[in-house]
Structures are given as C-alpha cells and as structure tokens.
Amino acid sequence: MQTFIGMILGILLLVGGVYIYDSIQTSSATSGQAAQSNRTIVNWDVAAAEWKTLKNRAHEDWVKISSK
C-alpha cells in the first residue's frame, strides 16, 4: 500500500513540477528571441483534450458495464 501511495505522490509531484516549470518559461515577461528558445515541455492544450477524451470514454464504458 505504501508503494502505491508513493507512486501516486511521485506522479503528482512530477506533473506539478513540469506545470510550474512550463508556466515560468512561458510567462508574459519573455518575448522575441527568448520566447522562441524557451519552449514548454508539455503541450497543455493537447493534454487537456486527451484527458477530456479519456474521461468521456471511461464514463461511457462505466455506463455500459453498470447497465448489464
């Protein structure tokens, strides 16, 4: 059980750290050449769309399973 909680905590720390790093790198203070050289690690728009698709698919599958 401790291993499972450790894995979940590690995932949350990783995603949170990458989000903070990306938000600092793409702040409105950077412009011009600096903005082009500091690219984000994650394309957050695509990640949000994929997360929404995953949630919708899981909900649809849950409805199918629970209706049987």
PDB file of N, CA and C in Angstrom:
ATOM      1  N   MET A   1       0.823  -1.191   0.000  1.00  0.00           N
ATOM      2  CA  MET A   1       0.000   0.000   0.000  1.00  0.00           C
ATOM      3  C   MET A   1       0.871   1.260   0.000  1.00  0.00           C
ATOM      4  N   GLN A   2       1.984   1.223   0.748  1.00  0.00           N
ATOM      5  CA  GLN A   2       2.872   2.374   0.784  1.00  0.00           C
ATOM      6  C   GLN A   2       3.505   2.622  -0.577  1.00  0.00           C
ATOM      7  N   THR A   3       3.813   1.558  -1.300  1.00  0.00           N
ATOM      8  CA  THR A   3       4.391   1.700  -2.630  1.00  0.00           C
ATOM      9  C   THR A   3       3.400   2.377  -3.573  1.00  0.00           C
ATOM     10  N   PHE A   4       2.150   1.951  -3.516  1.00  0.00           N
ATOM     11  CA  PHE A   4       1.126   2.538  -4.368  1.00  0.00           C
ATOM     12  C   PHE A   4       0.942   4.030  -4.068  1.00  0.00           C
ATOM     13  N   ILE A   5       0.893   4.387  -2.797  1.00  0.00           N
ATOM     14  CA  ILE A   5       0.758   5.804  -2.418  1.00  0.00           C
ATOM     15  C   ILE A   5       1.991   6.582  -2.861  1.00  0.00           C
ATOM     16  N   GLY A   6       3.174   5.984  -2.739  1.00  0.00           N
ATOM     17  CA  GLY A   6       4.402   6.626  -3.188  1.00  0.00           C
ATOM     18  C   GLY A   6       4.410   6.872  -4.685  1.00  0.00           C
ATOM     19  N   MET A   7       3.893   5.915  -5.452  1.00  0.00           N
ATOM     20  CA  MET A   7       3.826   6.086  -6.902  1.00  0.00           C
ATOM     21  C   MET A   7       2.864   7.207  -7.270  1.00  0.00           C
ATOM     22  N   ILE A   8       1.716   7.267  -6.629  1.00  0.00           N
ATOM     23  CA  ILE A   8       0.743   8.327  -6.900  1.00  0.00           C
ATOM     24  C   ILE A   8       1.331   9.690  -6.534  1.00  0.00           C
ATOM     25  N   LEU A   9       1.980   9.773  -5.380  1.00  0.00           N
ATOM     26  CA  LEU A   9       2.598  11.025  -4.948  1.00  0.00           C
ATOM     27  C   LEU A   9       3.697  11.446  -5.920  1.00  0.00           C
ATOM     28  N   GLY A  10       4.484  10.499  -6.398  1.00  0.00           N
ATOM     29  CA  GLY A  10       5.531  10.800  -7.372  1.00  0.00           C
ATOM     30  C   GLY A  10       4.974  11.341  -8.671  1.00  0.00           C
ATOM     31  N   ILE A  11       3.891  10.746  -9.141  1.00  0.00           N
ATOM     32  CA  ILE A  11       3.254  11.223 -10.374  1.00  0.00           C
ATOM     33  C   ILE A  11       2.744  12.649 -10.191  1.00  0.00           C
ATOM     34  N   LEU A  12       2.091  12.897  -9.060  1.00  0.00           N
ATOM     35  CA  LEU A  12       1.570  14.238  -8.798  1.00  0.00           C
ATOM     36  C   LEU A  12       2.692  15.265  -8.699  1.00  0.00           C
ATOM     37  N   LEU A  13       3.782  14.913  -8.046  1.00  0.00           N
ATOM     38  CA  LEU A  13       4.915  15.835  -7.948  1.00  0.00           C
ATOM     39  C   LEU A  13       5.545  16.100  -9.311  1.00  0.00           C
ATOM     40  N   LEU A  14       5.659  15.065 -10.135  1.00  0.00           N
ATOM     41  CA  LEU A  14       6.230  15.228 -11.473  1.00  0.00           C
ATOM     42  C   LEU A  14       5.377  16.149 -12.326  1.00  0.00           C
ATOM     43  N   VAL A  15       4.076  15.899 -12.377  1.00  0.00           N
ATOM     44  CA  VAL A  15       3.185  16.723 -13.197  1.00  0.00           C
ATOM     45  C   VAL A  15       3.158  18.156 -12.669  1.00  0.00           C
ATOM     46  N   GLY A  16       3.108  18.315 -11.356  1.00  0.00           N
ATOM     47  CA  GLY A  16       3.109  19.651 -10.772  1.00  0.00           C
ATOM     48  C   GLY A  16       4.400  20.396 -11.068  1.00  0.00           C
ATOM     49  N   GLY A  17       5.518  19.717 -10.969  1.00  0.00           N
ATOM     50  CA  GLY A  17       6.804  20.351 -11.270  1.00  0.00           C
ATOM     51  C   GLY A  17       6.926  20.773 -12.716  1.00  0.00           C
ATOM     52  N   VAL A  18       6.494  19.915 -13.629  1.00  0.00           N
ATOM     53  CA  VAL A  18       6.543  20.261 -15.056  1.00  0.00           C
ATOM     54  C   VAL A  18       5.610  21.435 -15.356  1.00  0.00           C
ATOM     55  N   TYR A  19       4.434  21.444 -14.733  1.00  0.00           N
ATOM     56  CA  TYR A  19       3.496  22.551 -14.950  1.00  0.00           C
ATOM     57  C   TYR A  19       4.096  23.872 -14.456  1.00  0.00           C
ATOM     58  N   ILE A  20       4.704  23.851 -13.293  1.00  0.00           N
ATOM     59  CA  ILE A  20       5.322  25.073 -12.762  1.00  0.00           C
ATOM     60  C   ILE A  20       6.477  25.519 -13.653  1.00  0.00           C
ATOM     61  N   TYR A  21       7.314  24.582 -14.084  1.00  0.00           N
ATOM     62  CA  TYR A  21       8.429  24.913 -14.966  1.00  0.00           C
ATOM     63  C   TYR A  21       7.931  25.541 -16.268  1.00  0.00           C
ATOM     64  N   ASP A  22       6.901  24.919 -16.867  1.00  0.00           N
ATOM     65  CA  ASP A  22       6.357  25.447 -18.118  1.00  0.00           C
ATOM     66  C   ASP A  22       5.727  26.813 -17.920  1.00  0.00           C
ATOM     67  N   SER A  23       5.040  27.043 -16.812  1.00  0.00           N
ATOM     68  CA  SER A  23       4.403  28.340 -16.597  1.00  0.00           C
ATOM     69  C   SER A  23       5.441  29.435 -16.382  1.00  0.00           C
ATOM     70  N   ILE A  24       6.580  29.099 -15.809  1.00  0.00           N
ATOM     71  CA  ILE A  24       7.645  30.089 -15.647  1.00  0.00           C
ATOM     72  C   ILE A  24       8.302  30.382 -16.990  1.00  0.00           C
ATOM     73  N   GLN A  25       8.534  29.356 -17.793  1.00  0.00           N
ATOM     74  CA  GLN A  25       9.213  29.531 -19.074  1.00  0.00           C
ATOM     75  C   GLN A  25       8.375  30.300 -20.083  1.00  0.00           C
ATOM     76  N   THR A  26       7.070  30.226 -19.990  1.00  0.00           N
ATOM     77  CA  THR A  26       6.204  30.880 -20.976  1.00  0.00           C
ATOM     78  C   THR A  26       5.479  32.074 -20.381  1.00  0.00           C
ATOM     79  N   SER A  27       6.099  32.735 -19.411  1.00  0.00           N
ATOM     80  CA  SER A  27       5.452  33.898 -18.812  1.00  0.00           C
ATOM     81  C   SER A  27       5.386  35.039 -19.815  1.00  0.00           C
ATOM     82  N   SER A  28       4.554  36.024 -19.539  1.00  0.00           N
ATOM     83  CA  SER A  28       4.390  37.152 -20.460  1.00  0.00           C
ATOM     84  C   SER A  28       5.609  38.059 -20.473  1.00  0.00           C
ATOM     85  N   ALA A  29       6.536  37.878 -19.543  1.00  0.00           N
ATOM     86  CA  ALA A  29       7.737  38.708 -19.499  1.00  0.00           C
ATOM     87  C   ALA A  29       8.691  38.365 -20.636  1.00  0.00           C
ATOM     88  N   THR A  30       8.640  37.125 -21.130  1.00  0.00           N
ATOM     89  CA  THR A  30       9.533  36.748 -22.223  1.00  0.00           C
ATOM     90  C   THR A  30       8.893  37.125 -23.549  1.00  0.00           C
ATOM     91  N   SER A  31       9.700  37.645 -24.416  1.00  0.00           N
ATOM     92  CA  SER A  31       9.206  37.996 -25.756  1.00  0.00           C
ATOM     93  C   SER A  31      10.366  37.939 -26.736  1.00  0.00           C
ATOM     94  N   GLY A  32      10.047  37.906 -27.995  1.00  0.00           N
ATOM     95  CA  GLY A  32      11.075  37.904 -29.030  1.00  0.00           C
ATOM     96  C   GLY A  32      11.837  36.591 -29.064  1.00  0.00           C
ATOM     97  N   GLN A  33      13.159  36.686 -29.138  1.00  0.00           N
ATOM     98  CA  GLN A  33      14.013  35.510 -29.254  1.00  0.00           C
ATOM     99  C   GLN A  33      13.939  34.622 -28.018  1.00  0.00           C
ATOM    100  N   ALA A  34      13.804  35.231 -26.853  1.00  0.00           N
ATOM    101  CA  ALA A  34      13.753  34.440 -25.622  1.00  0.00           C
ATOM    102  C   ALA A  34      12.526  33.543 -25.598  1.00  0.00           C
ATOM    103  N   ALA A  35      11.422  34.025 -26.110  1.00  0.00           N
ATOM    104  CA  ALA A  35      10.198  33.225 -26.116  1.00  0.00           C
ATOM    105  C   ALA A  35      10.332  32.036 -27.056  1.00  0.00           C
ATOM    106  N   GLN A  36      11.082  32.202 -28.145  1.00  0.00           N
ATOM    107  CA  GLN A  36      11.238  31.100 -29.081  1.00  0.00           C
ATOM    108  C   GLN A  36      12.208  30.043 -28.561  1.00  0.00           C
ATOM    109  N   SER A  37      13.217  30.455 -27.803  1.00  0.00           N
ATOM    110  CA  SER A  37      14.191  29.477 -27.313  1.00  0.00           C
ATOM    111  C   SER A  37      13.682  28.728 -26.093  1.00  0.00           C
ATOM    112  N   ASN A  38      12.743  29.302 -25.348  1.00  0.00           N
ATOM    113  CA  ASN A  38      12.199  28.654 -24.153  1.00  0.00           C
ATOM    114  C   ASN A  38      10.883  27.978 -24.491  1.00  0.00           C
ATOM    115  N   ARG A  39      10.956  26.757 -24.993  1.00  0.00           N
ATOM    116  CA  ARG A  39       9.750  26.017 -25.337  1.00  0.00           C
ATOM    117  C   ARG A  39       9.281  25.226 -24.135  1.00  0.00           C
ATOM    118  N   THR A  40       7.984  24.982 -24.081  1.00  0.00           N
ATOM    119  CA  THR A  40       7.419  24.211 -22.975  1.00  0.00           C
ATOM    120  C   THR A  40       7.725  22.726 -23.147  1.00  0.00           C
ATOM    121  N   ILE A  41       7.679  22.005 -22.058  1.00  0.00           N
ATOM    122  CA  ILE A  41       7.894  20.563 -22.089  1.00  0.00           C
ATOM    123  C   ILE A  41       6.632  19.853 -22.563  1.00  0.00           C
ATOM    124  N   VAL A  42       5.478  20.320 -22.103  1.00  0.00           N
ATOM    125  CA  VAL A  42       4.198  19.672 -22.391  1.00  0.00           C
ATOM    126  C   VAL A  42       3.310  20.640 -23.162  1.00  0.00           C
ATOM    127  N   ASN A  43       2.631  20.138 -24.188  1.00  0.00           N
ATOM    128  CA  ASN A  43       1.621  20.921 -24.883  1.00  0.00           C
ATOM    129  C   ASN A  43       0.330  20.757 -24.090  1.00  0.00           C
ATOM    130  N   TRP A  44       0.025  21.722 -23.230  1.00  0.00           N
ATOM    131  CA  TRP A  44      -1.056  21.578 -22.262  1.00  0.00           C
ATOM    132  C   TRP A  44      -2.426  21.567 -22.921  1.00  0.00           C
ATOM    133  N   ASP A  45      -2.577  22.194 -24.085  1.00  0.00           N
ATOM    134  CA  ASP A  45      -3.868  22.155 -24.783  1.00  0.00           C
ATOM    135  C   ASP A  45      -4.178  20.732 -25.250  1.00  0.00           C
ATOM    136  N   VAL A  46      -3.189  20.061 -25.800  1.00  0.00           N
ATOM    137  CA  VAL A  46      -3.374  18.689 -26.259  1.00  0.00           C
ATOM    138  C   VAL A  46      -3.599  17.766 -25.064  1.00  0.00           C
ATOM    139  N   ALA A  47      -2.850  17.982 -23.994  1.00  0.00           N
ATOM    140  CA  ALA A  47      -3.019  17.147 -22.797  1.00  0.00           C
ATOM    141  C   ALA A  47      -4.427  17.294 -22.225  1.00  0.00           C
ATOM    142  N   ALA A  48      -4.969  18.514 -22.214  1.00  0.00           N
ATOM    143  CA  ALA A  48      -6.324  18.730 -21.703  1.00  0.00           C
ATOM    144  C   ALA A  48      -7.360  18.043 -22.595  1.00  0.00           C
ATOM    145  N   ALA A  49      -7.167  18.110 -23.911  1.00  0.00           N
ATOM    146  CA  ALA A  49      -8.104  17.462 -24.827  1.00  0.00           C
ATOM    147  C   ALA A  49      -8.059  15.943 -24.666  1.00  0.00           C
ATOM    148  N   GLU A  50      -6.854  15.380 -24.524  1.00  0.00           N
ATOM    149  CA  GLU A  50      -6.732  13.935 -24.339  1.00  0.00           C
ATOM    150  C   GLU A  50      -7.338  13.499 -23.005  1.00  0.00           C
ATOM    151  N   TRP A  51      -7.173  14.298 -21.965  1.00  0.00           N
ATOM    152  CA  TRP A  51      -7.746  13.972 -20.652  1.00  0.00           C
ATOM    153  C   TRP A  51      -9.269  13.971 -20.724  1.00  0.00           C
ATOM    154  N   LYS A  52      -9.823  14.950 -21.447  1.00  0.00           N
ATOM    155  CA  LYS A  52     -11.279  15.023 -21.599  1.00  0.00           C
ATOM    156  C   LYS A  52     -11.793  13.795 -22.362  1.00  0.00           C
ATOM    157  N   THR A  53     -11.077  13.400 -23.407  1.00  0.00           N
ATOM    158  CA  THR A  53     -11.462  12.221 -24.176  1.00  0.00           C
ATOM    159  C   THR A  53     -11.406  10.969 -23.308  1.00  0.00           C
ATOM    160  N   LEU A  54     -10.364  10.844 -22.498  1.00  0.00           N
ATOM    161  CA  LEU A  54     -10.231   9.698 -21.612  1.00  0.00           C
ATOM    162  C   LEU A  54     -11.363   9.648 -20.593  1.00  0.00           C
ATOM    163  N   LYS A  55     -11.717  10.787 -20.016  1.00  0.00           N
ATOM    164  CA  LYS A  55     -12.810  10.824 -19.036  1.00  0.00           C
ATOM    165  C   LYS A  55     -14.136  10.455 -19.682  1.00  0.00           C
ATOM    166  N   ASN A  56     -14.398  10.969 -20.878  1.00  0.00           N
ATOM    167  CA  ASN A  56     -15.647  10.646 -21.569  1.00  0.00           C
ATOM    168  C   ASN A  56     -15.730   9.161 -21.903  1.00  0.00           C
ATOM    169  N   ARG A  57     -14.634   8.597 -22.380  1.00  0.00           N
ATOM    170  CA  ARG A  57     -14.618   7.172 -22.726  1.00  0.00           C
ATOM    171  C   ARG A  57     -14.816   6.315 -21.482  1.00  0.00           C
ATOM    172  N   ALA A  58     -14.173   6.680 -20.387  1.00  0.00           N
ATOM    173  CA  ALA A  58     -14.333   5.924 -19.143  1.00  0.00           C
ATOM    174  C   ALA A  58     -15.770   6.005 -18.646  1.00  0.00           C
ATOM    175  N   HIS A  59     -16.388   7.167 -18.760  1.00  0.00           N
ATOM    176  CA  HIS A  59     -17.783   7.316 -18.338  1.00  0.00           C
ATOM    177  C   HIS A  59     -18.714   6.470 -19.202  1.00  0.00           C
ATOM    178  N   GLU A  60     -18.507   6.491 -20.515  1.00  0.00           N
ATOM    179  CA  GLU A  60     -19.337   5.690 -21.403  1.00  0.00           C
ATOM    180  C   GLU A  60     -19.183   4.193 -21.121  1.00  0.00           C
ATOM    181  N   ASP A  61     -17.945   3.755 -20.876  1.00  0.00           N
ATOM    182  CA  ASP A  61     -17.723   2.353 -20.559  1.00  0.00           C
ATOM    183  C   ASP A  61     -18.351   1.974 -19.226  1.00  0.00           C
ATOM    184  N   TRP A  62     -18.298   2.886 -18.256  1.00  0.00           N
ATOM    185  CA  TRP A  62     -18.903   2.624 -16.956  1.00  0.00           C
ATOM    186  C   TRP A  62     -20.420   2.482 -17.088  1.00  0.00           C
ATOM    187  N   VAL A  63     -21.018   3.314 -17.917  1.00  0.00           N
ATOM    188  CA  VAL A  63     -22.468   3.218 -18.141  1.00  0.00           C
ATOM    189  C   VAL A  63     -22.815   1.887 -18.775  1.00  0.00           C
ATOM    190  N   LYS A  64     -21.997   1.438 -19.751  1.00  0.00           N
ATOM    191  CA  LYS A  64     -22.238   0.152 -20.388  1.00  0.00           C
ATOM    192  C   LYS A  64     -22.149  -0.986 -19.385  1.00  0.00           C
ATOM    193  N   ILE A  65     -21.098  -0.958 -18.565  1.00  0.00           N
ATOM    194  CA  ILE A  65     -20.875  -2.042 -17.608  1.00  0.00           C
ATOM    195  C   ILE A  65     -21.976  -2.050 -16.532  1.00  0.00           C
ATOM    196  N   SER A  66     -22.334  -0.884 -16.045  1.00  0.00           N
ATOM    197  CA  SER A  66     -23.312  -0.829 -14.951  1.00  0.00           C
ATOM    198  C   SER A  66     -24.737  -1.122 -15.426  1.00  0.00           C
ATOM    199  N   SER A  67     -25.014  -0.999 -16.705  1.00  0.00           N
ATOM    200  CA  SER A  67     -26.364  -1.263 -17.184  1.00  0.00           C
ATOM    201  C   SER A  67     -26.625  -2.753 -17.402  1.00  0.00           C
ATOM    202  N   LYS A  68     -25.602  -3.559 -17.396  1.00  0.00           N
ATOM    203  CA  LYS A  68     -25.776  -5.010 -17.619  1.00  0.00           C
ATOM    204  C   LYS A  68     -26.267  -5.715 -16.412  1.00  0.00           C
TER     205      LYS A  68
END
